[in-house]
Amino acid sequence: MTFSHAIVTSPRPPGDGPSVGTYGRVTAWLSKRVEFALAQMDLTLPQYRVLGILAEGSAAASGLAGRLAVRPSSVTAIIDGLLARGLVDRKHEEGDRRRIALRLTDEGARIVAEADRAVDDYLASIAAHLPDEDGVMVLRSLELWGQALANFHQARKPQ
């Protein structure tokens, strides 16, 4: 069985809980739970994703669209909302006044750190409904997904 064909649809022994479907459906369900945690911070998932990228360093709006896998017009709307809240600001890049870099403000850095804690705590509270070793494994798997996604993104960059 290859990774691309491994799905969580095999029958489970009685008492193991309900079948939850494919990896895609579980991921969509988990994403909705992350959205719930972010709502407490008055952030949408796309805003959180932008803030997370900007927490790694400043970026051009055009580059954000590629990293987020959305249209540039979608990024503009997200950025406009973050600018209005004072979480992001625009600055002309050194050496090329035509390029505008986006960066987190101090308030933006505070909010993304607070949102990270809120999401992490919420996911940990969900994982706590598993036996200890499984809960640890579930959270560790999210770290591995992060590494896989970073490697995937790096591999797709033009050389």
Protein backbone atom coordinates (compact mmCIF):
# COMPACT_ATOMS: atom_id res chain seq x y z
CA MET A 1 0.00 0.00 0.00
CA THR A 2 1.40 3.42 -0.94
CA PHE A 3 0.97 6.59 1.09
CA SER A 4 -1.38 8.01 -1.52
CA HIS A 5 -3.72 5.05 -1.12
CA ALA A 6 -3.67 4.74 2.67
CA ILE A 7 -7.02 6.01 3.89
CA VAL A 8 -8.79 5.66 7.17
CA THR A 9 -11.79 3.72 5.95
CA SER A 10 -10.99 0.18 7.06
CA PRO A 11 -13.49 -1.35 9.45
CA ARG A 12 -12.68 -0.87 13.12
CA PRO A 13 -13.19 -3.36 15.89
CA PRO A 14 -16.38 -2.78 17.93
CA GLY A 15 -15.85 -0.23 20.68
CA ASP A 16 -13.05 1.63 18.89
CA GLY A 17 -15.32 4.60 18.21
CA PRO A 18 -16.91 5.85 15.03
CA SER A 19 -15.21 5.70 11.66
CA VAL A 20 -14.09 9.22 10.77
CA GLY A 21 -13.51 8.85 7.03
CA THR A 22 -10.57 9.73 4.86
CA TYR A 23 -7.51 11.78 5.74
CA GLY A 24 -9.05 14.63 3.77
CA ARG A 25 -12.25 14.61 5.79
CA VAL A 26 -10.36 14.38 9.07
CA THR A 27 -8.14 17.28 7.98
CA ALA A 28 -11.19 19.36 7.03
CA TRP A 29 -12.77 18.58 10.39
CA LEU A 30 -9.56 19.53 12.21
CA SER A 31 -9.32 22.74 10.16
CA LYS A 32 -12.81 23.68 11.31
CA ARG A 33 -11.71 23.17 14.94
CA VAL A 34 -8.71 25.47 14.32
CA GLU A 35 -11.10 28.06 12.88
CA PHE A 36 -13.14 27.79 16.08
CA ALA A 37 -10.06 28.46 18.23
CA LEU A 38 -9.08 31.42 16.03
CA ALA A 39 -12.55 32.95 16.27
CA GLN A 40 -11.76 33.56 19.95
CA MET A 41 -8.95 35.84 18.69
CA ASP A 42 -11.20 37.45 16.06
CA LEU A 43 -9.04 35.97 13.29
CA THR A 44 -9.96 33.95 10.23
CA LEU A 45 -7.87 31.00 9.10
CA PRO A 46 -6.55 32.94 6.04
CA GLN A 47 -5.58 35.87 8.30
CA TYR A 48 -3.80 33.48 10.66
CA ARG A 49 -1.94 31.90 7.76
CA VAL A 50 -0.76 35.33 6.54
CA LEU A 51 0.29 36.39 10.03
CA GLY A 52 2.17 33.10 10.43
CA ILE A 53 4.11 33.65 7.20
CA LEU A 54 4.90 37.23 8.14
CA ALA A 55 6.07 36.04 11.58
CA GLU A 56 8.88 34.28 9.69
CA GLY A 57 9.93 37.62 8.15
CA SER A 58 8.61 40.31 5.82
CA ALA A 59 7.20 39.28 2.46
CA ALA A 60 5.84 40.77 -0.73
CA ALA A 61 2.11 40.34 -1.32
CA SER A 62 2.81 38.53 -4.60
CA GLY A 63 4.91 35.96 -2.76
CA LEU A 64 2.19 35.46 -0.18
CA ALA A 65 -0.31 34.43 -2.83
CA GLY A 66 1.99 31.63 -3.95
CA ARG A 67 2.66 30.40 -0.42
CA LEU A 68 -1.04 30.48 0.42
CA ALA A 69 -2.07 28.91 -2.90
CA VAL A 70 -4.65 31.65 -3.54
CA ARG A 71 -5.15 34.43 -6.07
CA PRO A 72 -3.33 37.73 -5.47
CA SER A 73 -6.70 39.51 -5.19
CA SER A 74 -7.58 37.25 -2.24
CA VAL A 75 -4.34 38.20 -0.49
CA THR A 76 -5.06 41.89 -1.05
CA ALA A 77 -8.39 41.60 0.77
CA ILE A 78 -6.79 39.72 3.67
CA ILE A 79 -3.93 42.22 3.92
CA ASP A 80 -6.32 45.17 3.82
CA GLY A 81 -8.16 43.75 6.83
CA LEU A 82 -4.93 43.17 8.74
CA LEU A 83 -3.70 46.68 7.86
CA ALA A 84 -6.96 48.18 9.14
CA ARG A 85 -6.51 46.33 12.46
CA GLY A 86 -2.90 47.55 12.77
CA LEU A 87 -1.49 44.01 12.68
CA VAL A 88 0.53 44.49 9.48
CA ASP A 89 2.20 47.43 7.82
CA ARG A 90 3.70 48.11 4.39
CA LYS A 91 7.23 49.32 3.83
CA HIS A 92 9.18 50.02 0.65
CA GLU A 93 11.97 47.49 0.26
CA GLU A 94 15.53 48.69 0.52
CA GLY A 95 17.12 48.95 -2.92
CA ASP A 96 13.86 48.72 -4.89
CA ARG A 97 11.34 51.43 -4.01
CA ARG A 98 8.79 49.84 -6.36
CA ARG A 99 8.53 46.71 -4.21
CA ILE A 100 6.51 46.90 -1.05
CA ALA A 101 7.20 44.48 1.78
CA LEU A 102 4.61 43.51 4.36
CA ARG A 103 5.64 42.97 7.95
CA LEU A 104 4.04 42.37 11.30
CA THR A 105 3.60 45.29 13.64
CA ASP A 106 4.31 44.76 17.34
CA GLU A 107 0.58 44.24 17.83
CA GLY A 108 0.54 41.72 14.96
CA ALA A 109 3.41 39.78 16.55
CA ARG A 110 1.54 39.75 19.87
CA ILE A 111 -1.69 38.57 18.24
CA VAL A 112 -0.05 35.78 16.21
CA ALA A 113 1.79 34.54 19.34
CA GLU A 114 -1.48 34.58 21.29
CA ALA A 115 -3.30 32.83 18.43
CA ASP A 116 -0.55 30.18 18.25
CA ARG A 117 -1.01 29.48 21.96
CA ALA A 118 -4.81 29.37 21.64
CA VAL A 119 -4.71 26.93 18.71
CA ASP A 120 -2.02 24.76 20.32
CA ASP A 121 -3.94 24.62 23.59
CA TYR A 122 -7.18 23.78 21.79
CA LEU A 123 -5.55 20.99 19.76
CA ALA A 124 -3.90 19.63 22.90
CA SER A 125 -7.30 19.61 24.64
CA ILE A 126 -8.70 17.52 21.78
CA ALA A 127 -5.69 15.16 21.88
CA ALA A 128 -6.26 14.76 25.63
CA HIS A 129 -9.31 12.64 24.75
CA LEU A 130 -6.94 9.88 23.67
CA PRO A 131 -4.75 7.66 25.83
CA ASP A 132 -1.57 9.56 26.81
CA GLU A 133 0.78 7.86 24.33
CA ASP A 134 -1.69 8.34 21.47
CA GLY A 135 -2.24 12.00 22.38
CA VAL A 136 1.52 12.61 22.27
CA MET A 137 1.73 10.76 18.95
CA VAL A 138 -1.12 12.83 17.46
CA LEU A 139 0.57 16.11 18.39
CA ARG A 140 3.96 14.85 17.18
CA SER A 141 2.34 13.93 13.85
CA LEU A 142 1.32 17.58 13.43
CA GLU A 143 5.00 18.54 13.79
CA LEU A 144 5.88 15.96 11.14
CA TRP A 145 3.15 17.34 8.85
CA GLY A 146 4.73 20.76 9.29
CA GLN A 147 8.09 19.38 8.20
CA ALA A 148 6.53 17.54 5.26
CA LEU A 149 4.71 20.69 4.12
CA ALA A 150 7.89 22.79 4.40
CA ASN A 151 9.82 20.21 2.38
CA PHE A 152 7.02 20.01 -0.18
CA HIS A 153 6.99 23.81 -0.53
CA GLN A 154 10.78 23.92 -0.89
CA ALA A 155 10.76 21.17 -3.53
CA ARG A 156 8.19 23.08 -5.62
CA LYS A 157 10.18 26.33 -5.64
CA PRO A 158 11.71 27.14 -9.00
CA GLN A 159 15.47 26.59 -8.89
